[in-house]
Amino acid sequence: MNHWQVQEAKARFSELLRHAAKDGPQAITVRGQTTAVLVSKAEYERLRGRKPSLVKLMHASPLAGLDLKIERDRSLPRDIDL
């Protein structure tokens, strides 16, 4: 993991971003202490464990594109005693 002093990170931010995307996490230090770590979006999503959206899951389903004919049940509700 590369270490960047905060002043250097601010001055060379574009380079810092490129390194995070290409080389992995980049540590940012203040007075010699690591205070933050910059990671790529892909690494962040992996660490976060983000689940795909319901829409993406449905599109990935083996049933996607299947022409289903689903009709609503129009029968009356049953009577119940309260």
C-alpha atoms as a PDB file:
ATOM      1  CA  MET A   1       0.000   0.000   0.000  1.00  0.00           C
ATOM      2  CA  ASN A   2       1.408   3.377  -0.997  1.00  0.00           C
ATOM      3  CA  HIS A   3       1.392   6.195   1.567  1.00  0.00           C
ATOM      4  CA  TRP A   4       0.666   9.803   0.640  1.00  0.00           C
ATOM      5  CA  GLN A   5       0.991  12.833   2.886  1.00  0.00           C
ATOM      6  CA  VAL A   6      -2.238  14.808   2.782  1.00  0.00           C
ATOM      7  CA  GLN A   7      -0.546  17.796   1.107  1.00  0.00           C
ATOM      8  CA  GLU A   8       0.874  15.535  -1.611  1.00  0.00           C
ATOM      9  CA  ALA A   9      -2.487  13.762  -2.022  1.00  0.00           C
ATOM     10  CA  LYS A  10      -4.245  17.101  -2.569  1.00  0.00           C
ATOM     11  CA  ALA A  11      -1.621  18.348  -5.025  1.00  0.00           C
ATOM     12  CA  ARG A  12      -1.545  15.095  -7.027  1.00  0.00           C
ATOM     13  CA  PHE A  13      -5.139  13.940  -6.609  1.00  0.00           C
ATOM     14  CA  SER A  14      -5.575  12.669 -10.185  1.00  0.00           C
ATOM     15  CA  GLU A  15      -2.463  10.535  -9.836  1.00  0.00           C
ATOM     16  CA  LEU A  16      -3.705   9.268  -6.467  1.00  0.00           C
ATOM     17  CA  LEU A  17      -6.978   8.176  -8.112  1.00  0.00           C
ATOM     18  CA  ARG A  18      -5.123   6.381 -10.906  1.00  0.00           C
ATOM     19  CA  HIS A  19      -2.951   4.520  -8.395  1.00  0.00           C
ATOM     20  CA  ALA A  20      -5.998   3.464  -6.372  1.00  0.00           C
ATOM     21  CA  ALA A  21      -7.659   2.065  -9.504  1.00  0.00           C
ATOM     22  CA  LYS A  22      -4.508   0.371 -10.823  1.00  0.00           C
ATOM     23  CA  ASP A  23      -2.405  -0.574  -7.795  1.00  0.00           C
ATOM     24  CA  GLY A  24      -4.944  -0.968  -5.003  1.00  0.00           C
ATOM     25  CA  PRO A  25      -5.602   0.948  -1.768  1.00  0.00           C
ATOM     26  CA  GLN A  26      -3.678   4.187  -1.134  1.00  0.00           C
ATOM     27  CA  ALA A  27      -3.089   5.392   2.429  1.00  0.00           C
ATOM     28  CA  ILE A  28      -3.308   9.124   3.212  1.00  0.00           C
ATOM     29  CA  THR A  29      -1.376  10.309   6.230  1.00  0.00           C
ATOM     30  CA  VAL A  30      -1.606  13.358   8.462  1.00  0.00           C
ATOM     31  CA  ARG A  31       1.429  14.041  10.663  1.00  0.00           C
ATOM     32  CA  GLY A  32       2.719  10.527   9.953  1.00  0.00           C
ATOM     33  CA  GLN A  33      -0.493   8.746  10.965  1.00  0.00           C
ATOM     34  CA  THR A  34      -2.707   7.010   8.395  1.00  0.00           C
ATOM     35  CA  THR A  35      -6.064   8.759   8.593  1.00  0.00           C
ATOM     36  CA  ALA A  36      -7.769   7.554   5.414  1.00  0.00           C
ATOM     37  CA  VAL A  37      -7.442   4.970   2.685  1.00  0.00           C
ATOM     38  CA  LEU A  38      -8.556   5.589  -0.884  1.00  0.00           C
ATOM     39  CA  VAL A  39      -9.817   2.494  -2.715  1.00  0.00           C
ATOM     40  CA  SER A  40     -11.250   1.986  -6.190  1.00  0.00           C
ATOM     41  CA  LYS A  41     -15.014   1.771  -6.621  1.00  0.00           C
ATOM     42  CA  ALA A  42     -14.715  -1.917  -7.539  1.00  0.00           C
ATOM     43  CA  GLU A  43     -12.790  -2.631  -4.332  1.00  0.00           C
ATOM     44  CA  TYR A  44     -15.278  -0.592  -2.294  1.00  0.00           C
ATOM     45  CA  GLU A  45     -18.221  -2.540  -3.744  1.00  0.00           C
ATOM     46  CA  ARG A  46     -16.425  -5.836  -3.054  1.00  0.00           C
ATOM     47  CA  LEU A  47     -15.711  -4.860   0.543  1.00  0.00           C
ATOM     48  CA  ARG A  48     -19.184  -3.530   1.074  1.00  0.00           C
ATOM     49  CA  GLY A  49     -20.722  -6.719  -0.233  1.00  0.00           C
ATOM     50  CA  ARG A  50     -23.250  -4.868  -2.319  1.00  0.00           C
ATOM     51  CA  LYS A  51     -25.984  -7.087  -3.612  1.00  0.00           C
ATOM     52  CA  PRO A  52     -27.331  -6.613  -7.128  1.00  0.00           C
ATOM     53  CA  SER A  53     -30.631  -4.787  -7.457  1.00  0.00           C
ATOM     54  CA  LEU A  54     -33.869  -6.722  -7.803  1.00  0.00           C
ATOM     55  CA  VAL A  55     -34.164  -5.552 -11.406  1.00  0.00           C
ATOM     56  CA  LYS A  56     -30.699  -6.942 -12.249  1.00  0.00           C
ATOM     57  CA  LEU A  57     -31.555 -10.227 -10.544  1.00  0.00           C
ATOM     58  CA  MET A  58     -34.788 -10.502 -12.510  1.00  0.00           C
ATOM     59  CA  HIS A  59     -33.016  -9.785 -15.800  1.00  0.00           C
ATOM     60  CA  ALA A  60     -30.440 -12.468 -14.963  1.00  0.00           C
ATOM     61  CA  SER A  61     -33.140 -15.025 -14.168  1.00  0.00           C
ATOM     62  CA  PRO A  62     -33.376 -18.098 -16.418  1.00  0.00           C
ATOM     63  CA  LEU A  63     -37.058 -17.178 -16.778  1.00  0.00           C
ATOM     64  CA  ALA A  64     -36.287 -13.705 -18.156  1.00  0.00           C
ATOM     65  CA  GLY A  65     -38.110 -13.124 -21.420  1.00  0.00           C
ATOM     66  CA  LEU A  66     -40.499 -16.021 -20.845  1.00  0.00           C
ATOM     67  CA  ASP A  67     -44.008 -15.042 -21.961  1.00  0.00           C
ATOM     68  CA  LEU A  68     -46.164 -15.916 -18.960  1.00  0.00           C
ATOM     69  CA  LYS A  69     -49.914 -15.527 -19.063  1.00  0.00           C
ATOM     70  CA  ILE A  70     -50.868 -14.682 -15.496  1.00  0.00           C
ATOM     71  CA  GLU A  71     -54.503 -13.878 -14.786  1.00  0.00           C
ATOM     72  CA  ARG A  72     -55.898 -12.332 -11.664  1.00  0.00           C
ATOM     73  CA  ASP A  73     -58.201 -14.482  -9.542  1.00  0.00           C
ATOM     74  CA  ARG A  74     -61.520 -12.663  -9.727  1.00  0.00           C
ATOM     75  CA  SER A  75     -63.423 -14.872  -7.283  1.00  0.00           C
ATOM     76  CA  LEU A  76     -65.088 -13.192  -4.311  1.00  0.00           C
ATOM     77  CA  PRO A  77     -63.389 -13.364  -0.921  1.00  0.00           C
ATOM     78  CA  ARG A  78     -64.612 -16.082   1.412  1.00  0.00           C
ATOM     79  CA  ASP A  79     -66.897 -15.326   4.328  1.00  0.00           C
ATOM     80  CA  ILE A  80     -65.417 -15.549   7.783  1.00  0.00           C
ATOM     81  CA  ASP A  81     -66.950 -15.307  11.233  1.00  0.00           C
ATOM     82  CA  LEU A  82     -65.435 -12.741  13.578  1.00  0.00           C
END
